[in-house]
Amino acid sequence: MKNNRFAIIAAAVLLCLAVYVYNEIIYLEHLIHNSHGRLEAEIQRRHDVVERCRDAAEKYIAIEEKIQNRMIIINGLIRSGRNKEYLKEKDEIMALLRDMDMIKEKYPALKSKAPSVYLMEIIQESGGRVTRERLNYNEWVYRYNETRMVFPYRTFAWILGFKEKPYLSEMNL
C-alpha cells in the first residue's frame, strides 16, 4: 500500500514536471517563431523602403539635371535675345520645379540633404533594424538551446524530440 502510494505520487510529480518542461520548451519555440517573423518583416520593410527611396533619389537627381540643362539653354537664349523661346523654357523649368516639390513633400528628408546622403541614411537605418531583429532572434535561440541542454529539460527534450535550433547570421538571411 505504501509502495503504491509512493509510485502514484512519483508518477504524478514526474507527469507535472514533464508538462511543465514541455510547456516551457514550447513557449521558447513560440518566442523564436515570433522573433523570426519580426526579422522577416524587417527584411521586407528594408527592401521596400530602400527601393522607394532609391527611386525618389533617382527622380530628384534626374529633375535637377534637367533643370540645370534648361538653365544653360535659358542663359544662351537670354544672350541671343530670343525672348519667346526663353518664356517657353521658363515654363518648362517651372514644371520641373513643381515635380521636384512633389518629391520633396513626399520625402521631406530629401529636401534638406543630398539625395545620396539621404539614401545612405535610409539604408543604414533599415539595416540597423534588421540587425537588431536578427540579434533578438539569436538571443531567443540561445535561450532555447541553453534551456534544452539543462537537466531535466535535456531528458524531456530528448524524449519529446526537440532539436537544437540554428543561429542566423548575415550570410544565411
N, C-alpha and C. Protein backbone atom coordinates (compact mmCIF):
# COMPACT_ATOMS: atom_id res chain seq x y z
N MET A 1 0.82 -1.18 0.00
CA MET A 1 0.00 0.00 0.00
C MET A 1 0.87 1.26 0.00
N LYS A 2 1.93 1.22 0.87
CA LYS A 2 2.83 2.36 0.94
C LYS A 2 3.60 2.54 -0.37
N ASN A 3 4.02 1.43 -0.98
CA ASN A 3 4.74 1.48 -2.24
C ASN A 3 3.86 1.99 -3.37
N ASN A 4 2.59 1.61 -3.38
CA ASN A 4 1.66 2.09 -4.40
C ASN A 4 1.45 3.59 -4.29
N ARG A 5 1.30 4.07 -3.07
CA ARG A 5 1.10 5.50 -2.84
C ARG A 5 2.34 6.27 -3.31
N PHE A 6 3.52 5.78 -2.97
CA PHE A 6 4.77 6.41 -3.38
C PHE A 6 4.89 6.40 -4.91
N ALA A 7 4.53 5.31 -5.55
CA ALA A 7 4.60 5.21 -7.02
C ALA A 7 3.63 6.18 -7.67
N ILE A 8 2.44 6.31 -7.10
CA ILE A 8 1.45 7.24 -7.65
C ILE A 8 1.93 8.67 -7.49
N ILE A 9 2.46 9.01 -6.32
CA ILE A 9 2.97 10.37 -6.10
C ILE A 9 4.15 10.64 -7.02
N ALA A 10 5.05 9.70 -7.16
CA ALA A 10 6.21 9.86 -8.04
C ALA A 10 5.77 10.03 -9.49
N ALA A 11 4.79 9.25 -9.91
CA ALA A 11 4.28 9.36 -11.29
C ALA A 11 3.61 10.71 -11.50
N ALA A 12 2.86 11.18 -10.49
CA ALA A 12 2.19 12.48 -10.61
C ALA A 12 3.21 13.61 -10.67
N VAL A 13 4.24 13.53 -9.84
CA VAL A 13 5.29 14.55 -9.86
C VAL A 13 6.02 14.52 -11.20
N LEU A 14 6.33 13.34 -11.68
CA LEU A 14 7.01 13.21 -12.98
C LEU A 14 6.14 13.74 -14.11
N LEU A 15 4.85 13.47 -14.07
CA LEU A 15 3.93 13.98 -15.09
C LEU A 15 3.86 15.49 -15.03
N CYS A 16 3.74 16.06 -13.83
CA CYS A 16 3.71 17.53 -13.70
C CYS A 16 5.00 18.15 -14.21
N LEU A 17 6.13 17.53 -13.88
CA LEU A 17 7.41 18.02 -14.36
C LEU A 17 7.49 17.95 -15.89
N ALA A 18 7.02 16.85 -16.45
CA ALA A 18 7.03 16.69 -17.91
C ALA A 18 6.16 17.74 -18.57
N VAL A 19 5.00 18.00 -18.03
CA VAL A 19 4.11 19.02 -18.60
C VAL A 19 4.75 20.40 -18.50
N TYR A 20 5.35 20.69 -17.34
CA TYR A 20 6.00 21.99 -17.16
C TYR A 20 7.15 22.17 -18.15
N VAL A 21 7.99 21.17 -18.27
CA VAL A 21 9.14 21.23 -19.19
C VAL A 21 8.65 21.36 -20.63
N TYR A 22 7.66 20.58 -20.99
CA TYR A 22 7.11 20.64 -22.35
C TYR A 22 6.58 22.05 -22.64
N ASN A 23 5.81 22.59 -21.72
CA ASN A 23 5.25 23.94 -21.92
C ASN A 23 6.35 24.99 -22.01
N GLU A 24 7.38 24.86 -21.21
CA GLU A 24 8.49 25.82 -21.24
C GLU A 24 9.21 25.77 -22.59
N ILE A 25 9.47 24.58 -23.09
CA ILE A 25 10.16 24.45 -24.38
C ILE A 25 9.27 24.95 -25.51
N ILE A 26 7.99 24.65 -25.46
CA ILE A 26 7.06 25.14 -26.49
C ILE A 26 6.99 26.66 -26.45
N TYR A 27 6.98 27.25 -25.26
CA TYR A 27 6.96 28.70 -25.12
C TYR A 27 8.20 29.32 -25.76
N LEU A 28 9.35 28.75 -25.50
CA LEU A 28 10.58 29.27 -26.10
C LEU A 28 10.56 29.12 -27.63
N GLU A 29 10.04 28.00 -28.12
CA GLU A 29 9.91 27.84 -29.58
C GLU A 29 8.97 28.90 -30.15
N HIS A 30 7.91 29.21 -29.43
CA HIS A 30 6.96 30.24 -29.86
C HIS A 30 7.67 31.60 -29.96
N LEU A 31 8.49 31.93 -28.96
CA LEU A 31 9.22 33.19 -28.99
C LEU A 31 10.21 33.23 -30.15
N ILE A 32 10.84 32.10 -30.44
CA ILE A 32 11.74 32.03 -31.59
C ILE A 32 10.96 32.27 -32.88
N HIS A 33 9.82 31.64 -33.00
CA HIS A 33 8.98 31.81 -34.19
C HIS A 33 8.55 33.27 -34.35
N ASN A 34 8.14 33.90 -33.26
CA ASN A 34 7.73 35.31 -33.32
C ASN A 34 8.89 36.22 -33.73
N SER A 35 10.06 36.00 -33.14
CA SER A 35 11.20 36.84 -33.48
C SER A 35 11.64 36.61 -34.93
N HIS A 36 11.49 35.39 -35.43
CA HIS A 36 11.81 35.13 -36.84
C HIS A 36 10.82 35.86 -37.75
N GLY A 37 9.56 35.90 -37.37
CA GLY A 37 8.57 36.65 -38.15
C GLY A 37 8.87 38.13 -38.17
N ARG A 38 9.28 38.70 -37.02
CA ARG A 38 9.66 40.12 -37.00
C ARG A 38 10.89 40.38 -37.86
N LEU A 39 11.82 39.44 -37.85
CA LEU A 39 13.01 39.57 -38.69
C LEU A 39 12.63 39.58 -40.17
N GLU A 40 11.78 38.65 -40.58
CA GLU A 40 11.34 38.63 -41.98
C GLU A 40 10.60 39.90 -42.36
N ALA A 41 9.79 40.42 -41.44
CA ALA A 41 9.07 41.68 -41.71
C ALA A 41 10.04 42.83 -41.89
N GLU A 42 11.08 42.89 -41.08
CA GLU A 42 12.08 43.96 -41.21
C GLU A 42 12.88 43.83 -42.50
N ILE A 43 13.16 42.60 -42.90
CA ILE A 43 13.87 42.40 -44.17
C ILE A 43 13.01 42.90 -45.33
N GLN A 44 11.73 42.55 -45.31
CA GLN A 44 10.82 43.02 -46.37
C GLN A 44 10.67 44.53 -46.32
N ARG A 45 10.57 45.07 -45.11
CA ARG A 45 10.44 46.53 -44.96
C ARG A 45 11.68 47.22 -45.50
N ARG A 46 12.86 46.67 -45.17
CA ARG A 46 14.10 47.27 -45.68
C ARG A 46 14.09 47.29 -47.20
N HIS A 47 13.70 46.18 -47.80
CA HIS A 47 13.66 46.11 -49.25
C HIS A 47 12.71 47.17 -49.82
N ASP A 48 11.50 47.27 -49.27
CA ASP A 48 10.52 48.22 -49.78
C ASP A 48 10.96 49.66 -49.59
N VAL A 49 11.46 49.99 -48.40
CA VAL A 49 11.87 51.36 -48.10
C VAL A 49 13.05 51.77 -48.97
N VAL A 50 14.03 50.90 -49.08
CA VAL A 50 15.21 51.25 -49.87
C VAL A 50 14.84 51.42 -51.34
N GLU A 51 13.96 50.57 -51.86
CA GLU A 51 13.54 50.71 -53.27
C GLU A 51 12.83 52.04 -53.49
N ARG A 52 11.89 52.38 -52.60
CA ARG A 52 11.16 53.65 -52.75
C ARG A 52 12.09 54.84 -52.65
N CYS A 53 13.00 54.80 -51.70
CA CYS A 53 13.94 55.92 -51.53
C CYS A 53 14.92 56.02 -52.68
N ARG A 54 15.34 54.87 -53.20
CA ARG A 54 16.24 54.88 -54.35
C ARG A 54 15.53 55.50 -55.56
N ASP A 55 14.27 55.13 -55.77
CA ASP A 55 13.51 55.71 -56.88
C ASP A 55 13.35 57.21 -56.70
N ALA A 56 13.03 57.65 -55.48
CA ALA A 56 12.86 59.08 -55.22
C ALA A 56 14.16 59.84 -55.45
N ALA A 57 15.27 59.29 -54.98
CA ALA A 57 16.56 59.94 -55.16
C ALA A 57 16.92 60.02 -56.65
N GLU A 58 16.66 58.95 -57.39
CA GLU A 58 16.95 58.96 -58.84
C GLU A 58 16.09 59.99 -59.56
N LYS A 59 14.80 60.07 -59.21
CA LYS A 59 13.93 61.07 -59.82
C LYS A 59 14.41 62.48 -59.49
N TYR A 60 14.78 62.69 -58.24
CA TYR A 60 15.25 64.00 -57.80
C TYR A 60 16.50 64.41 -58.58
N ILE A 61 17.43 63.48 -58.71
CA ILE A 61 18.67 63.76 -59.44
C ILE A 61 18.37 64.05 -60.92
N ALA A 62 17.46 63.27 -61.50
CA ALA A 62 17.12 63.48 -62.91
C ALA A 62 16.48 64.84 -63.12
N ILE A 63 15.61 65.24 -62.20
CA ILE A 63 14.97 66.56 -62.32
C ILE A 63 16.00 67.66 -62.14
N GLU A 64 16.90 67.51 -61.19
CA GLU A 64 17.97 68.50 -61.01
C GLU A 64 18.79 68.65 -62.28
N GLU A 65 19.09 67.52 -62.92
CA GLU A 65 19.88 67.55 -64.15
C GLU A 65 19.12 68.28 -65.27
N LYS A 66 17.81 67.98 -65.37
CA LYS A 66 17.00 68.66 -66.39
C LYS A 66 16.94 70.16 -66.13
N ILE A 67 16.80 70.55 -64.87
CA ILE A 67 16.76 71.98 -64.54
C ILE A 67 18.08 72.65 -64.91
N GLN A 68 19.18 72.00 -64.62
CA GLN A 68 20.50 72.57 -64.97
C GLN A 68 20.63 72.73 -66.49
N ASN A 69 20.18 71.71 -67.23
CA ASN A 69 20.25 71.81 -68.70
C ASN A 69 19.37 72.93 -69.22
N ARG A 70 18.16 73.07 -68.65
CA ARG A 70 17.26 74.15 -69.06
C ARG A 70 17.85 75.52 -68.72
N MET A 71 18.52 75.62 -67.58
CA MET A 71 19.14 76.89 -67.20
C MET A 71 20.25 77.27 -68.19
N ILE A 72 20.99 76.27 -68.64
CA ILE A 72 22.03 76.54 -69.63
C ILE A 72 21.39 77.03 -70.93
N ILE A 73 20.30 76.40 -71.34
CA ILE A 73 19.58 76.83 -72.55
C ILE A 73 19.05 78.24 -72.38
N ILE A 74 18.45 78.52 -71.21
CA ILE A 74 17.91 79.87 -70.96
C ILE A 74 19.02 80.91 -71.00
N ASN A 75 20.16 80.60 -70.45
CA ASN A 75 21.29 81.54 -70.48
C ASN A 75 21.66 81.86 -71.93
N GLY A 76 21.71 80.83 -72.77
CA GLY A 76 22.01 81.07 -74.18
C GLY A 76 20.93 81.88 -74.87
N LEU A 77 19.66 81.64 -74.55
CA LEU A 77 18.57 82.39 -75.17
C LEU A 77 18.57 83.86 -74.74
N ILE A 78 18.87 84.11 -73.48
CA ILE A 78 18.92 85.49 -73.00
C ILE A 78 20.04 86.24 -73.69
N ARG A 79 21.17 85.61 -73.85
CA ARG A 79 22.32 86.27 -74.50
C ARG A 79 22.03 86.54 -75.98
N SER A 80 21.24 85.65 -76.61
CA SER A 80 20.96 85.84 -78.03
C SER A 80 19.71 86.70 -78.26
N GLY A 81 18.96 87.00 -77.20
CA GLY A 81 17.80 87.88 -77.32
C GLY A 81 16.55 87.20 -77.83
N ARG A 82 16.44 85.90 -77.75
CA ARG A 82 15.24 85.19 -78.23
C ARG A 82 14.28 85.01 -77.05
N ASN A 83 13.43 86.00 -76.85
CA ASN A 83 12.56 86.04 -75.67
C ASN A 83 11.42 85.03 -75.72
N LYS A 84 10.86 84.74 -76.90
CA LYS A 84 9.75 83.78 -76.99
C LYS A 84 10.22 82.39 -76.55
N GLU A 85 11.36 82.00 -77.03
CA GLU A 85 11.90 80.70 -76.64
C GLU A 85 12.29 80.69 -75.16
N TYR A 86 12.73 81.84 -74.68
CA TYR A 86 13.07 81.97 -73.26
C TYR A 86 11.84 81.70 -72.39
N LEU A 87 10.69 82.24 -72.74
CA LEU A 87 9.47 82.05 -71.96
C LEU A 87 9.04 80.57 -71.96
N LYS A 88 9.20 79.93 -73.10
CA LYS A 88 8.86 78.50 -73.17
C LYS A 88 9.76 77.68 -72.25
N GLU A 89 11.04 77.95 -72.25
CA GLU A 89 11.99 77.24 -71.39
C GLU A 89 11.71 77.56 -69.91
N LYS A 90 11.31 78.80 -69.66
CA LYS A 90 10.99 79.19 -68.28
C LYS A 90 9.80 78.38 -67.77
N ASP A 91 8.79 78.18 -68.61
CA ASP A 91 7.63 77.36 -68.23
C ASP A 91 8.04 75.91 -67.96
N GLU A 92 8.97 75.40 -68.76
CA GLU A 92 9.47 74.03 -68.54
C GLU A 92 10.17 73.91 -67.19
N ILE A 93 10.95 74.93 -66.86
CA ILE A 93 11.65 74.91 -65.57
C ILE A 93 10.63 74.95 -64.43
N MET A 94 9.59 75.73 -64.57
CA MET A 94 8.56 75.82 -63.52
C MET A 94 7.88 74.45 -63.34
N ALA A 95 7.62 73.76 -64.42
CA ALA A 95 7.00 72.43 -64.34
C ALA A 95 7.95 71.45 -63.63
N LEU A 96 9.24 71.53 -63.97
CA LEU A 96 10.22 70.67 -63.32
C LEU A 96 10.32 70.98 -61.83
N LEU A 97 10.27 72.26 -61.47
CA LEU A 97 10.32 72.64 -60.06
C LEU A 97 9.09 72.13 -59.30
N ARG A 98 7.93 72.12 -59.96
CA ARG A 98 6.73 71.56 -59.32
C ARG A 98 6.90 70.06 -59.08
N ASP A 99 7.47 69.38 -60.06
CA ASP A 99 7.73 67.95 -59.88
C ASP A 99 8.70 67.70 -58.72
N MET A 100 9.72 68.54 -58.64
CA MET A 100 10.69 68.42 -57.57
C MET A 100 10.03 68.68 -56.21
N ASP A 101 9.15 69.67 -56.16
CA ASP A 101 8.44 69.96 -54.91
C ASP A 101 7.55 68.79 -54.48
N MET A 102 6.95 68.11 -55.44
CA MET A 102 6.13 66.95 -55.10
C MET A 102 6.98 65.85 -54.47
N ILE A 103 8.16 65.64 -55.01
CA ILE A 103 9.06 64.63 -54.44
C ILE A 103 9.51 65.07 -53.05
N LYS A 104 9.80 66.36 -52.87
CA LYS A 104 10.22 66.86 -51.57
C LYS A 104 9.12 66.72 -50.53
N GLU A 105 7.88 66.93 -50.94
CA GLU A 105 6.77 66.78 -49.99
C GLU A 105 6.60 65.32 -49.57
N LYS A 106 6.81 64.42 -50.50
CA LYS A 106 6.67 63.00 -50.19
C LYS A 106 7.82 62.49 -49.32
N TYR A 107 9.02 63.04 -49.54
CA TYR A 107 10.21 62.64 -48.80
C TYR A 107 10.88 63.91 -48.25
N PRO A 108 10.40 64.42 -47.10
CA PRO A 108 10.92 65.69 -46.57
C PRO A 108 12.42 65.68 -46.28
N ALA A 109 12.97 64.56 -45.87
CA ALA A 109 14.40 64.50 -45.55
C ALA A 109 15.24 64.69 -46.81
N LEU A 110 14.67 64.38 -47.95
CA LEU A 110 15.39 64.54 -49.21
C LEU A 110 15.67 66.01 -49.49
N LYS A 111 14.78 66.89 -49.02
CA LYS A 111 14.92 68.32 -49.25
C LYS A 111 16.14 68.90 -48.53
N SER A 112 16.39 68.42 -47.33
CA SER A 112 17.45 69.00 -46.52
C SER A 112 18.82 68.35 -46.74
N LYS A 113 18.85 67.27 -47.48
CA LYS A 113 20.11 66.56 -47.70
C LYS A 113 20.30 66.28 -49.19
N ALA A 114 21.52 65.94 -49.51
CA ALA A 114 21.78 65.49 -50.88
C ALA A 114 21.11 64.12 -51.05
N PRO A 115 20.62 63.80 -52.25
CA PRO A 115 19.94 62.52 -52.45
C PRO A 115 20.77 61.31 -52.06
N SER A 116 22.05 61.35 -52.32
CA SER A 116 22.89 60.19 -51.98
C SER A 116 23.04 60.05 -50.47
N VAL A 117 23.14 61.17 -49.74
CA VAL A 117 23.25 61.13 -48.28
C VAL A 117 21.94 60.59 -47.70
N TYR A 118 20.84 61.08 -48.21
CA TYR A 118 19.52 60.61 -47.76
C TYR A 118 19.38 59.11 -47.97
N LEU A 119 19.75 58.64 -49.14
CA LEU A 119 19.65 57.21 -49.45
C LEU A 119 20.55 56.39 -48.53
N MET A 120 21.76 56.85 -48.29
CA MET A 120 22.68 56.12 -47.41
C MET A 120 22.14 56.05 -45.98
N GLU A 121 21.52 57.13 -45.51
CA GLU A 121 20.95 57.12 -44.16
C GLU A 121 19.80 56.14 -44.06
N ILE A 122 18.96 56.08 -45.08
CA ILE A 122 17.84 55.14 -45.09
C ILE A 122 18.36 53.70 -45.10
N ILE A 123 19.36 53.43 -45.91
CA ILE A 123 19.94 52.09 -45.98
C ILE A 123 20.54 51.70 -44.63
N GLN A 124 21.26 52.63 -44.00
CA GLN A 124 21.88 52.35 -42.71
C GLN A 124 20.83 52.12 -41.64
N GLU A 125 19.80 52.95 -41.60
CA GLU A 125 18.74 52.81 -40.59
C GLU A 125 17.99 51.49 -40.74
N SER A 126 17.62 51.15 -41.96
CA SER A 126 16.87 49.90 -42.16
C SER A 126 17.77 48.69 -41.93
N GLY A 127 19.04 48.79 -42.25
CA GLY A 127 19.97 47.70 -41.96
C GLY A 127 20.15 47.50 -40.46
N GLY A 128 20.14 48.60 -39.72
CA GLY A 128 20.23 48.51 -38.26
C GLY A 128 19.03 47.81 -37.65
N ARG A 129 17.83 48.08 -38.19
CA ARG A 129 16.63 47.39 -37.69
C ARG A 129 16.70 45.90 -37.98
N VAL A 130 17.17 45.53 -39.14
CA VAL A 130 17.30 44.11 -39.49
C VAL A 130 18.32 43.44 -38.56
N THR A 131 19.43 44.12 -38.30
CA THR A 131 20.45 43.56 -37.42
C THR A 131 19.91 43.37 -36.00
N ARG A 132 19.16 44.36 -35.50
CA ARG A 132 18.57 44.24 -34.16
C ARG A 132 17.64 43.03 -34.08
N GLU A 133 16.81 42.84 -35.10
CA GLU A 133 15.88 41.70 -35.09
C GLU A 133 16.61 40.38 -35.22
N ARG A 134 17.70 40.36 -36.00
CA ARG A 134 18.49 39.12 -36.12
C ARG A 134 19.14 38.78 -34.78
N LEU A 135 19.65 39.81 -34.10
CA LEU A 135 20.25 39.57 -32.78
C LEU A 135 19.19 39.11 -31.77
N ASN A 136 18.01 39.68 -31.85
CA ASN A 136 16.91 39.26 -30.97
C ASN A 136 16.56 37.80 -31.23
N TYR A 137 16.48 37.42 -32.51
CA TYR A 137 16.21 36.03 -32.86
C TYR A 137 17.28 35.12 -32.29
N ASN A 138 18.55 35.49 -32.49
CA ASN A 138 19.65 34.65 -32.00
C ASN A 138 19.67 34.57 -30.47
N GLU A 139 19.24 35.63 -29.81
CA GLU A 139 19.16 35.58 -28.35
C GLU A 139 18.12 34.55 -27.89
N TRP A 140 16.96 34.52 -28.57
CA TRP A 140 15.94 33.53 -28.21
C TRP A 140 16.39 32.11 -28.55
N VAL A 141 17.12 31.96 -29.65
CA VAL A 141 17.66 30.64 -30.00
C VAL A 141 18.66 30.20 -28.94
N TYR A 142 19.49 31.13 -28.48
CA TYR A 142 20.46 30.81 -27.43
C TYR A 142 19.74 30.34 -26.17
N ARG A 143 18.71 31.09 -25.76
CA ARG A 143 17.97 30.71 -24.55
C ARG A 143 17.31 29.34 -24.72
N TYR A 144 16.76 29.09 -25.89
CA TYR A 144 16.12 27.80 -26.16
C TYR A 144 17.15 26.67 -26.09
N ASN A 145 18.25 26.84 -26.82
CA ASN A 145 19.28 25.80 -26.86
C ASN A 145 19.90 25.57 -25.48
N GLU A 146 20.11 26.65 -24.75
CA GLU A 146 20.68 26.53 -23.41
C GLU A 146 19.70 25.80 -22.48
N THR A 147 18.42 26.17 -22.52
CA THR A 147 17.41 25.52 -21.69
C THR A 147 17.30 24.05 -22.05
N ARG A 148 17.35 23.75 -23.32
CA ARG A 148 17.22 22.38 -23.80
C ARG A 148 18.35 21.48 -23.32
N MET A 149 19.49 22.08 -22.99
CA MET A 149 20.65 21.29 -22.59
C MET A 149 20.77 21.10 -21.07
N VAL A 150 19.90 21.72 -20.29
CA VAL A 150 19.98 21.66 -18.82
C VAL A 150 19.03 20.58 -18.31
N PHE A 151 19.47 19.83 -17.28
CA PHE A 151 18.61 18.83 -16.65
C PHE A 151 17.49 19.55 -15.91
N PRO A 152 16.29 19.14 -15.96
CA PRO A 152 15.65 17.97 -16.55
C PRO A 152 15.17 18.21 -17.98
N TYR A 153 15.36 19.44 -18.48
CA TYR A 153 14.88 19.75 -19.83
C TYR A 153 15.54 18.85 -20.87
N ARG A 154 16.81 18.58 -20.67
CA ARG A 154 17.56 17.77 -21.64
C ARG A 154 16.92 16.39 -21.82
N THR A 155 16.54 15.78 -20.74
CA THR A 155 15.94 14.45 -20.80
C THR A 155 14.60 14.48 -21.53
N PHE A 156 13.76 15.43 -21.14
CA PHE A 156 12.44 15.51 -21.77
C PHE A 156 12.54 15.98 -23.22
N ALA A 157 13.47 16.88 -23.50
CA ALA A 157 13.66 17.33 -24.89
C ALA A 157 14.08 16.16 -25.77
N TRP A 158 14.94 15.29 -25.24
CA TRP A 158 15.36 14.11 -26.00
C TRP A 158 14.19 13.17 -26.20
N ILE A 159 13.40 12.93 -25.14
CA ILE A 159 12.24 12.03 -25.24
C ILE A 159 11.19 12.58 -26.20
N LEU A 160 10.95 13.90 -26.11
CA LEU A 160 9.89 14.52 -26.92
C LEU A 160 10.38 14.94 -28.32
N GLY A 161 11.65 14.81 -28.59
CA GLY A 161 12.17 15.07 -29.94
C GLY A 161 12.45 16.53 -30.26
N PHE A 162 12.71 17.36 -29.26
CA PHE A 162 13.07 18.76 -29.52
C PHE A 162 14.53 18.83 -29.92
N LYS A 163 14.78 19.45 -31.06
CA LYS A 163 16.14 19.53 -31.61
C LYS A 163 16.72 20.93 -31.38
N GLU A 164 18.04 21.01 -31.49
CA GLU A 164 18.73 22.29 -31.37
C GLU A 164 18.36 23.19 -32.56
N LYS A 165 18.17 24.47 -32.30
CA LYS A 165 17.83 25.45 -33.34
C LYS A 165 19.11 26.12 -33.84
N PRO A 166 19.20 26.38 -35.15
CA PRO A 166 20.40 27.05 -35.68
C PRO A 166 20.32 28.57 -35.50
N TYR A 167 21.49 29.17 -35.36
CA TYR A 167 21.57 30.62 -35.29
C TYR A 167 21.55 31.20 -36.70
N LEU A 168 21.16 32.47 -36.79
CA LEU A 168 21.17 33.17 -38.08
C LEU A 168 22.34 34.14 -38.12
N SER A 169 22.97 34.21 -39.26
CA SER A 169 24.00 35.22 -39.48
C SER A 169 23.59 36.03 -40.70
N GLU A 170 24.39 37.03 -41.03
CA GLU A 170 24.08 37.83 -42.22
C GLU A 170 24.11 36.97 -43.48
N MET A 171 24.90 35.91 -43.45
CA MET A 171 25.06 35.08 -44.64
C MET A 171 23.83 34.23 -44.93
N ASN A 172 23.12 33.78 -43.90
CA ASN A 172 22.00 32.88 -44.17
C ASN A 172 20.65 33.53 -43.92
N LEU A 173 20.55 34.83 -44.16
CA LEU A 173 19.25 35.52 -44.05
C LEU A 173 18.43 35.32 -45.30
